Amino acid sequence: MSYAESLGKKIVTSLTGIKGPLIFVKGASGVAFDEVVEIELYNGEKRRGRVLEVFRDLAVVQVFEGTTGISLTGTKVRFLGKTFELPVSESMLGRIFNALGEPVDGGPPVVGEEWRDVNGEPLNPAVRAYPNDFIQTGISAIDGMNTLVRGQKLPIFSGSGLPHNMLAAQIAKQATVRGEAEGFAVVFAAIGIKFEEAVFFKKFFEKTGALSRTAMFFTLANDPPMLRLLTPRTALTLAEYLAYERDMHVLAILTDMSNYAEALREISAAREEVPGRQGYPGYMYSDLATIYERAGRVRNKKGSITQMPILTMPNDDITHPIPDLTGYITEGQIVLDRRLYNMGIYPPINVLMSLSRLMKEGIGPGKTREDHANVSDQLYAAYSKAQEVRGLAMIIGEESLTSRDKRYLRFAEAFETRFLNQGVNENRSIEKTLDIAWEVLSLLPEEELTSIKPEYITKYYKKKGA
């Protein structure tokens, strides 16, 4: 007698249909939504799946490994009476896994300290603690003007061909919580990426030594859509264990959430659901929320989960449903800009379109530096003014500008090449970032620094000739 039979679970052999990643099983009475199933093919090969929908005795099952090779005859489906669980352990740091949590780095199997449902357990809003601690990424455009706070959800909006993979790897390597004794870990989920991208991430983390504190979960572009949906869930299951059971500060980087949304649309189409905007299912908002809301801090717990989802905007359209819905759920966004990228600026972060809604809570005396908020406000104001001057110069010519406007042009150039631009291996402290900010602000007359307190100007401003 099999394990499934010993539990009183029925073994069903009546497959009535196969469509895309789905199989339709008849005679599946007493089956629950999200229940894990084991599928045995006629040749003895075994695959796994989960129940997606139940109607009377008909169950719709998503197959994790895809339906290629599955036949309507000779296939057995066993319903296991539980949801999909992942063995989790602190020893998973430094390892590489697939979407099912199976090691793919040639190392030994994971001996789990406990098993956890990959869907997670919803946090009671009453026990959530407000994010207010600074995380240093070592990247000036983020630390100085769009500060990441522990427990925050701060996505990166990119476009095809922009260096979001390099930026994600650099953040994973450099991110740290200053002045904290608790451990810091990175959980990195790569969803539906190309093989060469997987090789890049693996080599980057191994070469820089960041792999020792990182657990990586991969699915490739040719993997079945169900595995793409599972990848962020298995990654965040480990993140929750490390944060709330092992008191670690965890940075969860999820790339590329656009591939996740495409997998969601593919399965929705196979189910013949009524499509929403641009063919995506109408429940995509709530589905994305089940991923993004698995972040934050909990009262009386030392650990935390900070999320940086990365998504590519089709045709660089920030109003596309994926970035649009993501923006409603998360607390800001970092936007990569193609114009800056074509200028050779790395990282090409458009600070005027970027925002960190929790920045004010994580900066200031005792966290970063006393002048941080004022400097950030002044950089925004000055760079915005410089963009207006650039537009004017294109109409009337730079020679016709006033000396004040020409200073703003010099400021904009210095801001992009000195402040925004930095090396892939350049890890700047927040003090270094703010010092560079004062260098570029010193290109402006002192009377233009209207967003900065006089005592900070006296302390940090470096007077220069016109």
Protein backbone atom coordinates (compact mmCIF):
# COMPACT_ATOMS: atom_id res chain seq x y z
CA MET A 1 0.00 0.00 0.00
CA SER A 2 1.34 3.45 -0.92
CA TYR A 3 1.70 6.37 1.46
CA ALA A 4 -1.22 8.14 -0.20
CA GLU A 5 -3.43 5.06 0.17
CA SER A 6 -2.44 4.68 3.83
CA LEU A 7 -3.78 8.17 4.42
CA GLY A 8 -7.04 7.19 2.78
CA LYS A 9 -6.25 9.33 -0.24
CA LYS A 10 -7.61 8.06 -3.50
CA ILE A 11 -5.29 7.25 -6.40
CA VAL A 12 -6.98 8.53 -9.54
CA THR A 13 -6.21 7.35 -13.06
CA SER A 14 -8.98 9.19 -14.92
CA LEU A 15 -7.36 12.11 -16.72
CA THR A 16 -9.92 13.85 -18.89
CA GLY A 17 -7.70 16.52 -20.43
CA ILE A 18 -4.30 18.19 -20.67
CA LYS A 19 -3.94 21.88 -21.52
CA GLY A 20 -0.68 23.79 -21.23
CA PRO A 21 0.65 23.32 -17.68
CA LEU A 22 -2.69 21.90 -16.45
CA ILE A 23 -4.15 18.42 -16.20
CA PHE A 24 -7.84 17.71 -15.50
CA VAL A 25 -8.51 14.82 -13.12
CA LYS A 26 -11.94 13.22 -12.74
CA GLY A 27 -13.01 11.21 -9.71
CA ALA A 28 -11.05 13.35 -7.25
CA SER A 29 -13.58 13.50 -4.43
CA GLY A 30 -12.54 14.94 -1.05
CA VAL A 31 -9.71 16.99 -2.57
CA ALA A 32 -8.81 20.47 -1.25
CA PHE A 33 -7.57 23.61 -2.99
CA ASP A 34 -3.75 23.99 -3.02
CA GLU A 35 -3.27 20.32 -2.10
CA VAL A 36 -0.03 18.78 -3.36
CA VAL A 37 -0.30 15.88 -5.78
CA GLU A 38 2.16 13.30 -7.04
CA ILE A 39 1.87 12.39 -10.72
CA GLU A 40 3.31 9.05 -11.86
CA LEU A 41 3.75 8.61 -15.61
CA TYR A 42 3.42 5.30 -17.45
CA ASN A 43 7.24 4.89 -17.43
CA GLY A 44 7.54 5.35 -13.67
CA GLU A 45 8.69 9.01 -13.78
CA LYS A 46 7.23 11.09 -10.97
CA ARG A 47 6.31 14.76 -10.98
CA ARG A 48 4.62 17.08 -8.54
CA GLY A 49 1.80 19.58 -8.79
CA ARG A 50 -0.90 21.33 -6.82
CA VAL A 51 -4.66 21.53 -6.98
CA LEU A 52 -5.72 24.79 -8.57
CA GLU A 53 -9.46 24.34 -8.70
CA VAL A 54 -12.07 21.77 -7.63
CA PHE A 55 -15.59 21.37 -9.04
CA ARG A 56 -17.50 18.40 -7.65
CA ASP A 57 -15.25 15.43 -8.48
CA LEU A 58 -13.17 17.26 -11.13
CA ALA A 59 -9.81 18.73 -10.06
CA VAL A 60 -7.62 21.07 -12.09
CA VAL A 61 -3.95 20.43 -11.28
CA GLN A 62 -0.93 22.58 -12.09
CA VAL A 63 2.11 20.42 -12.81
CA PHE A 64 5.34 21.93 -11.48
CA GLU A 65 7.62 20.32 -14.06
CA GLY A 66 5.24 20.80 -17.02
CA THR A 67 2.93 18.36 -18.82
CA THR A 68 5.27 17.29 -21.63
CA GLY A 69 5.22 13.49 -21.86
CA ILE A 70 2.08 13.04 -19.74
CA SER A 71 -0.54 10.77 -21.34
CA LEU A 72 -4.27 10.54 -20.67
CA THR A 73 -3.82 6.81 -20.18
CA GLY A 74 -1.41 5.09 -17.85
CA THR A 75 -0.97 8.14 -15.58
CA LYS A 76 -1.64 7.94 -11.83
CA VAL A 77 -2.41 10.96 -9.67
CA ARG A 78 -1.99 10.73 -5.90
CA PHE A 79 -3.41 13.44 -3.67
CA LEU A 80 -1.13 13.86 -0.64
CA GLY A 81 -3.45 15.77 1.69
CA LYS A 82 -1.08 18.70 2.39
CA THR A 83 0.19 21.91 0.85
CA PHE A 84 3.65 22.25 -0.66
CA GLU A 85 6.25 22.56 2.10
CA LEU A 86 9.93 23.48 2.07
CA PRO A 87 12.61 22.24 4.47
CA VAL A 88 14.40 25.35 5.79
CA SER A 89 17.68 25.73 7.61
CA GLU A 90 20.32 28.38 8.23
CA SER A 91 22.72 26.06 6.39
CA MET A 92 20.92 27.01 3.14
CA LEU A 93 22.98 30.21 3.07
CA GLY A 94 25.81 29.82 0.59
CA ARG A 95 23.79 27.36 -1.51
CA ILE A 96 21.94 27.46 -4.85
CA PHE A 97 18.49 25.88 -5.31
CA ASN A 98 15.77 25.44 -7.92
CA ALA A 99 12.17 26.55 -7.43
CA LEU A 100 11.33 23.38 -5.49
CA GLY A 101 14.12 24.00 -2.97
CA GLU A 102 16.31 21.24 -4.39
CA PRO A 103 20.09 21.95 -4.45
CA VAL A 104 21.50 22.53 -7.94
CA ASP A 105 25.07 23.39 -6.88
CA GLY A 106 26.29 19.82 -6.53
CA GLY A 107 26.18 19.98 -2.74
CA PRO A 108 24.41 17.60 -0.34
CA PRO A 109 20.62 17.70 0.24
CA VAL A 110 19.36 20.16 2.84
CA VAL A 111 18.58 18.76 6.27
CA GLY A 112 15.70 20.99 7.28
CA GLU A 113 15.45 22.29 10.82
CA GLU A 114 11.71 22.56 10.15
CA TRP A 115 9.24 22.33 7.27
CA ARG A 116 7.25 25.39 6.20
CA ASP A 117 4.33 26.02 3.87
CA VAL A 118 5.65 27.99 0.88
CA ASN A 119 2.54 30.19 0.94
CA GLY A 120 3.67 31.63 4.26
CA GLU A 121 1.56 32.73 7.18
CA PRO A 122 -0.14 36.15 7.00
CA LEU A 123 1.20 38.67 9.50
CA ASN A 124 -1.35 40.26 11.79
CA PRO A 125 -1.17 44.01 11.02
CA ALA A 126 -1.35 44.67 14.75
CA VAL A 127 2.03 43.00 15.34
CA ARG A 128 3.86 44.78 12.53
CA ALA A 129 6.52 47.29 13.58
CA TYR A 130 7.06 50.46 11.55
CA PRO A 131 10.21 50.39 9.36
CA ASN A 132 12.69 53.04 10.55
CA ASP A 133 16.26 51.69 10.29
CA PHE A 134 18.69 52.62 7.51
CA ILE A 135 20.07 49.93 5.17
CA GLN A 136 23.25 50.99 3.38
CA THR A 137 23.46 49.69 -0.20
CA GLY A 138 26.68 51.54 -1.03
CA ILE A 139 24.95 53.19 -4.02
CA SER A 140 24.72 56.99 -3.76
CA ALA A 141 21.53 57.45 -5.78
CA ILE A 142 19.72 55.07 -3.42
CA ASP A 143 21.37 55.82 -0.07
CA GLY A 144 21.45 59.58 -0.57
CA MET A 145 18.11 60.30 -2.25
CA ASN A 146 15.92 57.15 -2.14
CA THR A 147 17.01 55.55 1.10
CA LEU A 148 16.16 51.91 1.72
CA VAL A 149 14.72 51.24 5.18
CA ARG A 150 14.72 47.90 7.02
CA GLY A 151 11.36 46.19 6.49
CA GLN A 152 10.50 48.24 3.38
CA LYS A 153 9.33 47.07 -0.06
CA LEU A 154 11.26 49.15 -2.61
CA PRO A 155 11.05 47.86 -6.23
CA ILE A 156 13.38 48.67 -9.12
CA PHE A 157 11.63 49.54 -12.40
CA SER A 158 13.86 48.82 -15.38
CA GLY A 159 13.67 48.31 -19.13
CA SER A 160 14.93 45.76 -21.59
CA GLY A 161 18.72 45.96 -21.93
CA LEU A 162 19.26 48.16 -18.87
CA PRO A 163 21.73 46.92 -16.21
CA HIS A 164 19.20 45.86 -13.57
CA ASN A 165 20.90 42.48 -13.15
CA MET A 166 24.22 44.14 -12.40
CA LEU A 167 22.53 46.56 -9.99
CA ALA A 168 20.73 43.69 -8.22
CA ALA A 169 23.99 41.77 -7.82
CA GLN A 170 25.82 44.85 -6.53
CA ILE A 171 23.10 45.56 -3.95
CA ALA A 172 23.13 41.93 -2.82
CA LYS A 173 26.91 42.11 -2.39
CA GLN A 174 27.11 45.48 -0.60
CA ALA A 175 23.92 45.84 1.46
CA THR A 176 24.37 46.00 5.20
CA VAL A 177 22.64 47.24 8.34
CA ARG A 178 25.01 49.59 10.13
CA GLY A 179 25.62 49.21 13.83
CA GLU A 180 23.61 46.00 14.25
CA ALA A 181 24.96 42.87 15.90
CA GLU A 182 22.37 40.61 14.26
CA GLY A 183 23.38 38.69 11.15
CA PHE A 184 22.61 40.02 7.67
CA ALA A 185 21.59 37.66 4.89
CA VAL A 186 20.45 37.92 1.28
CA VAL A 187 17.81 35.70 -0.30
CA PHE A 188 18.07 36.04 -4.08
CA ALA A 189 15.26 34.73 -6.32
CA ALA A 190 15.87 34.75 -10.09
CA ILE A 191 12.59 34.09 -11.91
CA GLY A 192 12.54 32.88 -15.51
CA ILE A 193 15.97 34.27 -16.41
CA LYS A 194 18.21 33.30 -19.33
CA PHE A 195 20.95 30.71 -18.84
CA GLU A 196 23.72 33.28 -19.33
CA GLU A 197 22.12 35.46 -16.66
CA ALA A 198 22.13 32.53 -14.24
CA VAL A 199 25.83 31.96 -14.97
CA PHE A 200 26.52 35.68 -14.41
CA PHE A 201 24.84 35.72 -10.98
CA LYS A 202 26.55 32.52 -9.88
CA LYS A 203 30.03 33.69 -10.92
CA PHE A 204 29.50 37.20 -9.52
CA PHE A 205 28.54 35.97 -6.05
CA GLU A 206 31.30 33.35 -5.99
CA LYS A 207 33.97 35.81 -7.15
CA THR A 208 33.01 38.57 -4.71
CA GLY A 209 32.54 36.24 -1.75
CA ALA A 210 28.93 37.34 -1.27
CA LEU A 211 27.65 33.79 -1.78
CA SER A 212 28.55 32.84 1.79
CA ARG A 213 25.69 34.97 3.16
CA THR A 214 23.33 34.43 0.20
CA ALA A 215 20.78 31.74 -0.65
CA MET A 216 19.94 31.70 -4.37
CA PHE A 217 16.81 30.27 -6.02
CA PHE A 218 16.73 29.94 -9.82
CA THR A 219 14.27 29.18 -12.59
CA LEU A 220 15.23 29.54 -16.24
CA ALA A 221 13.20 31.02 -19.08
CA ASN A 222 12.44 27.56 -20.50
CA ASP A 223 11.16 26.17 -17.19
CA PRO A 224 7.39 25.54 -16.84
CA PRO A 225 5.33 28.57 -15.74
CA MET A 226 4.36 26.94 -12.44
CA LEU A 227 8.01 26.90 -11.36
CA ARG A 228 8.23 30.63 -12.07
CA LEU A 229 5.25 31.19 -9.78
CA LEU A 230 6.81 29.02 -7.10
CA THR A 231 10.30 30.59 -7.07
CA PRO A 232 9.56 33.78 -5.06
CA ARG A 233 7.42 31.80 -2.63
CA THR A 234 10.14 29.27 -1.80
CA ALA A 235 12.69 32.08 -1.48
CA LEU A 236 10.49 34.11 0.88
CA THR A 237 9.72 31.01 2.95
CA LEU A 238 13.42 30.75 3.76
CA ALA A 239 13.58 34.53 4.34
CA GLU A 240 10.77 34.34 6.91
CA TYR A 241 12.53 31.54 8.77
CA LEU A 242 15.86 33.39 8.89
CA ALA A 243 14.21 36.66 9.95
CA TYR A 244 11.67 35.55 12.52
CA GLU A 245 13.30 32.39 13.89
CA ARG A 246 17.02 33.18 13.51
CA ASP A 247 16.83 36.95 14.20
CA MET A 248 18.57 37.90 10.94
CA HIS A 249 18.09 40.98 8.79
CA VAL A 250 17.17 39.59 5.38
CA LEU A 251 17.24 41.42 2.07
CA ALA A 252 15.06 39.58 -0.46
CA ILE A 253 15.81 40.46 -4.09
CA LEU A 254 13.27 39.15 -6.62
CA THR A 255 14.16 39.43 -10.30
CA ASP A 256 12.35 39.54 -12.70
CA MET A 257 8.77 39.96 -11.46
CA SER A 258 7.65 40.63 -15.04
CA ASN A 259 8.47 36.99 -15.80
CA TYR A 260 6.34 36.02 -12.81
CA ALA A 261 3.40 38.04 -14.15
CA GLU A 262 3.78 36.48 -17.60
CA ALA A 263 3.61 33.00 -16.05
CA LEU A 264 0.47 34.09 -14.19
CA ARG A 265 -1.07 35.22 -17.48
CA GLU A 266 -0.10 31.97 -19.23
CA ILE A 267 -1.79 29.80 -16.61
CA SER A 268 -4.83 32.08 -16.55
CA ALA A 269 -5.18 31.69 -20.33
CA ALA A 270 -4.93 27.89 -20.01
CA ARG A 271 -7.81 28.03 -17.50
CA GLU A 272 -9.80 30.16 -19.99
CA GLU A 273 -10.41 32.87 -17.41
CA VAL A 274 -11.83 36.23 -18.41
CA PRO A 275 -8.75 38.44 -18.97
CA GLY A 276 -8.18 41.83 -17.39
CA ARG A 277 -5.89 44.65 -18.56
CA GLN A 278 -3.68 43.57 -21.48
CA GLY A 279 -4.63 39.93 -20.96
CA TYR A 280 -3.41 39.65 -17.37
CA PRO A 281 -5.83 38.04 -14.90
CA GLY A 282 -8.04 40.34 -12.90
CA TYR A 283 -6.64 38.94 -9.65
CA MET A 284 -3.04 39.87 -10.48
CA TYR A 285 -3.11 42.71 -7.93
CA SER A 286 -4.03 40.41 -5.04
CA ASP A 287 -1.63 37.73 -6.28
CA LEU A 288 1.30 40.19 -6.35
CA ALA A 289 0.27 41.35 -2.88
CA THR A 290 0.74 37.80 -1.55
CA ILE A 291 4.40 38.15 -2.60
CA TYR A 292 5.15 41.77 -1.69
CA GLU A 293 3.41 41.73 1.69
CA ARG A 294 5.76 39.00 2.93
CA ALA A 295 8.11 41.72 4.12
CA GLY A 296 8.41 43.87 7.17
CA ARG A 297 9.26 43.86 10.86
CA VAL A 298 7.44 42.18 13.71
CA ARG A 299 7.20 43.49 17.25
CA ASN A 300 9.38 41.66 19.76
CA LYS A 301 11.35 40.08 16.90
CA LYS A 302 14.89 41.25 16.15
CA GLY A 303 14.90 40.11 12.52
CA SER A 304 13.29 41.71 9.47
CA ILE A 305 12.62 41.16 5.78
CA THR A 306 13.32 43.94 3.30
CA GLN A 307 12.23 43.40 -0.30
CA MET A 308 13.65 44.78 -3.53
CA PRO A 309 11.57 43.33 -6.38
CA ILE A 310 12.96 44.06 -9.85
CA LEU A 311 10.75 44.22 -12.92
CA THR A 312 11.29 45.18 -16.54
CA MET A 313 8.69 47.53 -18.00
CA PRO A 314 7.57 46.48 -21.51
CA ASN A 315 8.52 49.30 -23.91
CA ASP A 316 9.73 51.30 -20.87
CA ASP A 317 6.06 51.98 -20.07
CA ILE A 318 5.69 52.78 -16.38
CA THR A 319 1.87 52.71 -16.77
CA HIS A 320 1.97 49.02 -17.83
CA PRO A 321 -0.14 46.83 -15.49
CA ILE A 322 2.88 45.16 -13.85
CA PRO A 323 4.70 48.32 -12.62
CA ASP A 324 1.37 50.09 -12.10
CA LEU A 325 0.00 47.47 -9.69
CA THR A 326 3.41 47.02 -8.06
CA GLY A 327 3.51 50.74 -7.29
CA TYR A 328 0.19 50.52 -5.42
CA ILE A 329 1.45 47.75 -3.14
CA THR A 330 5.03 48.81 -2.46
CA GLU A 331 6.52 51.89 -0.76
CA GLY A 332 8.14 53.71 -3.65
CA GLN A 333 10.25 52.78 -6.66
CA ILE A 334 13.75 53.10 -8.14
CA VAL A 335 13.47 53.88 -11.87
CA LEU A 336 16.30 53.17 -14.34
CA ASP A 337 16.61 55.61 -17.23
CA ARG A 338 17.65 54.77 -20.81
CA ARG A 339 19.00 58.30 -21.49
CA LEU A 340 21.42 58.08 -18.58
CA TYR A 341 22.41 54.56 -19.64
CA ASN A 342 23.21 55.77 -23.16
CA MET A 343 25.39 58.47 -21.60
CA GLY A 344 27.46 55.78 -19.89
CA ILE A 345 26.13 56.53 -16.39
CA TYR A 346 25.97 53.55 -14.02
CA PRO A 347 23.69 52.97 -12.27
CA PRO A 348 21.34 54.94 -14.58
CA ILE A 349 18.87 55.85 -11.84
CA ASN A 350 16.42 58.63 -12.69
CA VAL A 351 16.12 60.22 -9.27
CA LEU A 352 13.31 62.58 -10.35
CA MET A 353 11.05 59.61 -11.13
CA SER A 354 12.21 57.59 -8.12
CA LEU A 355 10.81 57.69 -4.62
CA SER A 356 11.27 56.04 -1.24
CA ARG A 357 8.16 56.74 0.83
CA LEU A 358 9.79 55.61 4.07
CA MET A 359 13.07 57.49 3.59
CA LYS A 360 12.35 60.15 6.23
CA GLU A 361 12.00 57.45 8.89
CA GLY A 362 15.45 55.98 8.26
CA ILE A 363 17.72 59.01 8.05
CA GLY A 364 19.02 61.73 10.32
CA PRO A 365 21.20 61.93 13.46
CA GLY A 366 22.09 58.53 14.85
CA LYS A 367 21.06 56.78 11.64
CA THR A 368 22.89 58.51 8.79
CA ARG A 369 23.93 62.14 9.30
CA GLU A 370 22.27 65.34 10.50
CA ASP A 371 22.31 67.03 7.08
CA HIS A 372 20.98 64.07 5.09
CA ALA A 373 17.35 65.18 4.70
CA ASN A 374 18.26 68.76 3.74
CA VAL A 375 20.91 67.63 1.26
CA SER A 376 18.49 65.23 -0.41
CA ASP A 377 15.80 67.89 -0.73
CA GLN A 378 18.30 70.35 -2.22
CA LEU A 379 19.63 67.82 -4.74
CA TYR A 380 16.10 67.14 -5.94
CA ALA A 381 15.30 70.84 -6.26
CA ALA A 382 18.56 71.73 -8.00
CA TYR A 383 18.50 68.80 -10.45
CA SER A 384 14.87 69.54 -11.32
CA LYS A 385 15.78 73.17 -12.00
CA ALA A 386 18.77 72.04 -14.10
CA GLN A 387 16.50 69.90 -16.27
CA GLU A 388 14.36 72.98 -16.96
CA VAL A 389 17.47 74.93 -17.91
CA ARG A 390 18.55 72.14 -20.27
CA GLY A 391 15.21 72.35 -22.01
CA LEU A 392 15.57 76.12 -22.31
CA ALA A 393 19.10 75.79 -23.70
CA MET A 394 17.83 73.52 -26.46
CA ILE A 395 15.50 76.32 -27.58
CA ILE A 396 17.57 79.50 -27.22
CA GLY A 397 21.10 78.07 -27.11
CA GLU A 398 23.47 77.84 -24.16
CA GLU A 399 25.16 81.15 -25.08
CA SER A 400 21.92 83.01 -24.32
CA LEU A 401 21.62 81.66 -20.80
CA THR A 402 22.34 83.72 -17.71
CA SER A 403 25.42 83.00 -15.60
CA ARG A 404 23.11 81.52 -12.96
CA ASP A 405 21.56 79.11 -15.46
CA LYS A 406 25.01 78.09 -16.72
CA ARG A 407 25.93 77.15 -13.17
CA TYR A 408 22.91 74.86 -13.03
CA LEU A 409 24.10 73.19 -16.23
CA ARG A 410 27.51 72.57 -14.66
CA PHE A 411 25.79 71.26 -11.54
CA ALA A 412 23.67 68.80 -13.58
CA GLU A 413 26.73 67.46 -15.38
CA ALA A 414 28.65 67.03 -12.11
CA PHE A 415 25.62 65.48 -10.41
CA GLU A 416 25.31 62.81 -13.12
CA THR A 417 29.00 62.05 -13.61
CA ARG A 418 30.18 62.43 -10.00
CA PHE A 419 27.21 61.63 -7.75
CA LEU A 420 25.06 59.20 -9.77
CA ASN A 421 27.90 57.49 -11.61
CA GLN A 422 29.99 54.99 -9.70
CA GLY A 423 31.81 51.73 -10.29
CA VAL A 424 30.24 48.29 -10.08
CA ASN A 425 32.66 47.44 -7.26
CA GLU A 426 32.53 50.88 -5.62
CA ASN A 427 30.90 50.62 -2.21
CA ARG A 428 30.30 54.12 -0.84
CA SER A 429 29.51 54.77 2.79
CA ILE A 430 26.68 57.20 3.52
CA GLU A 431 29.27 59.73 4.70
CA LYS A 432 31.09 59.46 1.37
CA THR A 433 27.79 59.86 -0.50
CA LEU A 434 26.88 63.01 1.41
CA ASP A 435 30.38 64.46 0.97
CA ILE A 436 30.10 63.99 -2.82
CA ALA A 437 26.66 65.63 -2.69
CA TRP A 438 28.18 68.71 -1.03
CA GLU A 439 30.92 68.81 -3.68
CA VAL A 440 28.37 69.07 -6.50
CA LEU A 441 26.11 71.46 -4.55
CA SER A 442 29.11 73.73 -4.03
CA LEU A 443 29.01 74.47 -7.77
CA LEU A 444 25.88 76.53 -7.05
CA PRO A 445 25.87 79.94 -5.33
CA GLU A 446 25.24 79.75 -1.61
CA GLU A 447 22.01 81.73 -1.95
CA GLU A 448 20.55 78.96 -4.14
CA LEU A 449 20.70 76.42 -1.30
CA THR A 450 17.27 77.34 0.05
CA SER A 451 16.42 73.82 1.31
CA ILE A 452 19.39 73.56 3.67
CA LYS A 453 19.66 74.99 7.17
CA PRO A 454 22.27 77.77 7.54
CA GLU A 455 24.26 75.83 10.14
CA TYR A 456 24.74 72.94 7.71
CA ILE A 457 25.83 75.33 4.96
CA THR A 458 28.38 76.84 7.31
CA LYS A 459 29.68 73.38 8.24
CA TYR A 460 29.75 71.62 4.87
CA TYR A 461 29.51 74.10 2.00
CA LYS A 462 32.71 74.59 0.02
CA LYS A 463 32.86 78.00 -1.60
CA LYS A 464 34.15 77.98 -5.17
CA GLY A 465 34.62 80.59 -7.83
CA ALA A 466 32.03 81.05 -10.53
